[in-house]
């Protein structure tokens, strides 16, 4: 199944995605923006992960491919809880500005939200952003996410503790605004 919306299609991870996925894992900027602290991995470890990765009932990772043929990153639903109708949304982008299309991430998030709410029948999608990443907060609010609160000093980076922001979107609110 391929999810399409506007200028994007979301598709399963394929062998051709090795370079972008490997480079995202090696990018300190991306990991910093996500609030992660990963250890370096080898190309062999990345290939091994890719050969074993499968979307499951609890996590879905899809590549974001634009209508211009460029693959710009990955969008994820994880910690999917079918009993309570919740999941966490995440995304990682690694593309030069020239490869991007205006509104591409809004289209990608909306495609994933439509899938989550309509196909998976989830009720609440939530996400967390790291203090100092106003682009993520702005994008999420643009598609309807509501700021819920601040989780104080949850991330340690470059010698200081940073807050995380919690945002969520309820199916009813999404449907009323789209």
Protein backbone atom coordinates (compact mmCIF):
# COMPACT_ATOMS: atom_id res chain seq x y z
CA UNK A 1 0.00 0.00 0.00
CA UNK A 2 1.23 3.46 -0.88
CA UNK A 3 -0.28 6.50 0.83
CA UNK A 4 -0.57 9.57 -1.37
CA UNK A 5 -1.47 13.15 -0.55
CA UNK A 6 -0.67 16.25 -2.58
CA UNK A 7 2.97 16.22 -3.64
CA UNK A 8 3.99 13.15 -1.60
CA UNK A 9 3.64 9.44 -1.47
CA UNK A 10 4.52 7.41 1.59
CA UNK A 11 5.87 3.97 0.79
CA UNK A 12 7.55 1.05 2.49
CA UNK A 13 11.30 1.09 3.10
CA UNK A 14 13.20 -0.42 0.20
CA UNK A 15 16.81 -1.38 -0.45
CA UNK A 16 17.30 1.82 -2.49
CA UNK A 17 16.71 3.84 0.71
CA UNK A 18 19.93 2.65 2.32
CA UNK A 19 21.93 5.84 1.74
CA UNK A 20 19.36 8.27 3.11
CA UNK A 21 18.57 6.10 6.15
CA UNK A 22 22.24 5.48 6.91
CA UNK A 23 23.10 9.17 6.52
CA UNK A 24 20.22 10.19 8.80
CA UNK A 25 21.56 7.85 11.49
CA UNK A 26 24.98 9.47 11.15
CA UNK A 27 23.70 13.05 11.26
CA UNK A 28 24.32 14.82 14.58
CA UNK A 29 21.93 17.62 13.52
CA UNK A 30 19.02 15.24 12.99
CA UNK A 31 19.65 13.33 16.19
CA UNK A 32 19.92 16.62 18.11
CA UNK A 33 16.63 17.87 16.67
CA UNK A 34 14.97 14.57 17.62
CA UNK A 35 16.42 14.60 21.13
CA UNK A 36 18.23 11.32 20.58
CA UNK A 37 21.72 10.27 21.34
CA UNK A 38 22.51 7.34 19.13
CA UNK A 39 25.73 5.45 18.85
CA UNK A 40 27.54 5.31 15.52
CA UNK A 41 26.59 2.35 13.36
CA UNK A 42 28.43 0.70 10.53
CA UNK A 43 27.05 0.29 7.02
CA UNK A 44 26.79 -3.44 7.75
CA UNK A 45 24.65 -2.78 10.83
CA UNK A 46 22.35 -0.53 8.79
CA UNK A 47 22.03 -3.18 6.06
CA UNK A 48 21.26 -5.80 8.70
CA UNK A 49 18.57 -3.58 10.27
CA UNK A 50 17.02 -2.90 6.86
CA UNK A 51 16.96 -6.60 5.96
CA UNK A 52 15.11 -7.42 9.19
CA UNK A 53 12.83 -4.39 9.56
CA UNK A 54 9.12 -4.98 9.08
CA UNK A 55 6.19 -2.69 9.78
CA UNK A 56 4.17 -4.18 12.62
CA UNK A 57 1.02 -3.59 14.63
CA UNK A 58 3.03 -1.35 16.97
CA UNK A 59 5.24 0.61 14.58
CA UNK A 60 5.12 1.81 10.99
CA UNK A 61 7.95 3.56 9.14
CA UNK A 62 7.35 4.90 5.65
CA UNK A 63 9.64 6.74 3.27
CA UNK A 64 8.58 10.19 2.09
CA UNK A 65 8.91 10.37 -1.68
CA UNK A 66 8.03 13.55 -3.56
CA UNK A 67 6.35 13.84 -6.95
CA UNK A 68 9.71 15.06 -8.31
CA UNK A 69 11.13 11.59 -7.53
CA UNK A 70 13.24 12.69 -4.56
CA UNK A 71 13.07 10.78 -1.30
CA UNK A 72 13.49 13.26 1.54
CA UNK A 73 13.09 11.23 4.71
CA UNK A 74 10.98 8.94 6.82
CA UNK A 75 7.74 9.35 8.77
CA UNK A 76 6.80 7.03 11.61
CA UNK A 77 3.96 5.96 13.81
CA UNK A 78 5.25 4.09 16.83
CA UNK A 79 4.03 2.93 20.21
CA UNK A 80 0.77 2.18 18.41
CA UNK A 81 -1.76 1.16 21.04
CA UNK A 82 -4.84 -0.26 19.33
CA UNK A 83 -6.66 -0.79 22.66
CA UNK A 84 -6.48 2.90 23.59
CA UNK A 85 -6.38 4.25 20.04
CA UNK A 86 -3.10 6.13 20.38
CA UNK A 87 0.26 6.38 18.64
CA UNK A 88 3.27 8.67 18.56
CA UNK A 89 4.20 10.46 15.34
CA UNK A 90 7.77 11.18 14.31
CA UNK A 91 9.66 12.17 11.20
CA UNK A 92 13.23 12.65 10.04
CA UNK A 93 14.11 14.71 6.99
CA UNK A 94 17.43 14.84 5.15
CA UNK A 95 17.22 16.75 1.91
CA UNK A 96 18.68 19.84 0.34
CA UNK A 97 16.24 22.68 -0.14
CA UNK A 98 16.39 22.34 -3.94
CA UNK A 99 14.93 18.81 -3.68
CA UNK A 100 12.02 19.88 -1.49
CA UNK A 101 8.54 21.00 -2.56
CA UNK A 102 6.70 23.70 -0.65
CA UNK A 103 4.29 22.04 1.78
CA UNK A 104 5.81 18.58 1.40
CA UNK A 105 5.91 17.80 5.11
CA UNK A 106 2.39 19.08 5.67
CA UNK A 107 1.25 16.69 2.91
CA UNK A 108 3.26 13.81 4.41
CA UNK A 109 1.90 14.33 7.93
CA UNK A 110 -1.66 14.64 6.64
CA UNK A 111 -1.27 11.40 4.67
CA UNK A 112 -0.06 9.60 7.80
CA UNK A 113 -2.82 11.14 9.94
CA UNK A 114 -5.52 10.09 7.48
CA UNK A 115 -4.11 6.56 7.52
CA UNK A 116 -3.93 6.54 11.33
CA UNK A 117 -7.43 7.88 11.88
CA UNK A 118 -9.31 6.21 9.02
CA UNK A 119 -7.52 2.92 8.42
CA UNK A 120 -6.04 2.12 11.83
CA UNK A 121 -9.04 3.73 13.58
CA UNK A 122 -6.84 5.49 16.12
CA UNK A 123 -8.24 8.38 18.12
CA UNK A 124 -5.23 10.37 19.35
CA UNK A 125 -1.85 10.97 17.73
CA UNK A 126 0.77 12.63 19.90
CA UNK A 127 4.32 13.79 19.46
CA UNK A 128 7.16 15.35 21.35
CA UNK A 129 9.49 18.06 20.14
CA UNK A 130 12.73 19.31 21.62
CA UNK A 131 13.06 22.83 22.93
CA UNK A 132 14.83 24.94 20.33
CA UNK A 133 13.14 23.28 17.33
CA UNK A 134 10.45 25.85 16.48
CA UNK A 135 10.07 24.48 12.95
CA UNK A 136 8.66 21.20 14.27
CA UNK A 137 6.23 22.94 16.63
CA UNK A 138 5.06 25.29 13.88
CA UNK A 139 4.54 22.46 11.38
CA UNK A 140 2.60 20.34 13.83
CA UNK A 141 0.37 23.22 14.89
CA UNK A 142 -0.29 24.00 11.22
CA UNK A 143 -1.79 20.54 10.69
CA UNK A 144 -3.89 20.83 13.86
CA UNK A 145 -1.79 19.55 16.75
CA UNK A 146 -2.44 21.25 20.08
CA UNK A 147 0.28 22.10 22.58
CA UNK A 148 -0.38 20.07 25.72
CA UNK A 149 2.51 21.00 27.93
CA UNK A 150 6.17 21.02 28.68
CA UNK A 151 8.13 18.07 29.98
CA UNK A 152 10.88 19.77 31.88
CA UNK A 153 14.55 18.96 31.37
CA UNK A 154 14.02 15.64 29.57
CA UNK A 155 16.91 15.86 27.12
CA UNK A 156 20.58 16.39 27.92
CA UNK A 157 22.53 17.98 25.06
CA UNK A 158 25.77 19.89 24.91
CA UNK A 159 26.10 20.27 28.66
CA UNK A 160 22.55 21.38 29.46
CA UNK A 161 19.10 19.96 29.99
CA UNK A 162 16.38 20.87 27.51
CA UNK A 163 12.61 20.71 27.80
CA UNK A 164 10.39 18.71 25.50
CA UNK A 165 7.03 19.90 24.24
CA UNK A 166 4.08 17.55 24.12
CA UNK A 167 1.49 18.00 21.36
CA UNK A 168 -1.50 15.93 20.31
CA UNK A 169 -4.28 15.72 17.77
CA UNK A 170 -7.64 14.05 18.33
CA UNK A 171 -9.44 12.40 15.41
CA UNK A 172 -12.59 14.52 15.85
CA UNK A 173 -10.60 17.76 15.71
CA UNK A 174 -8.68 16.58 12.65
CA UNK A 175 -11.86 15.59 10.81
CA UNK A 176 -13.58 18.89 11.68
CA UNK A 177 -10.67 20.90 10.27
CA UNK A 178 -10.02 18.87 7.08
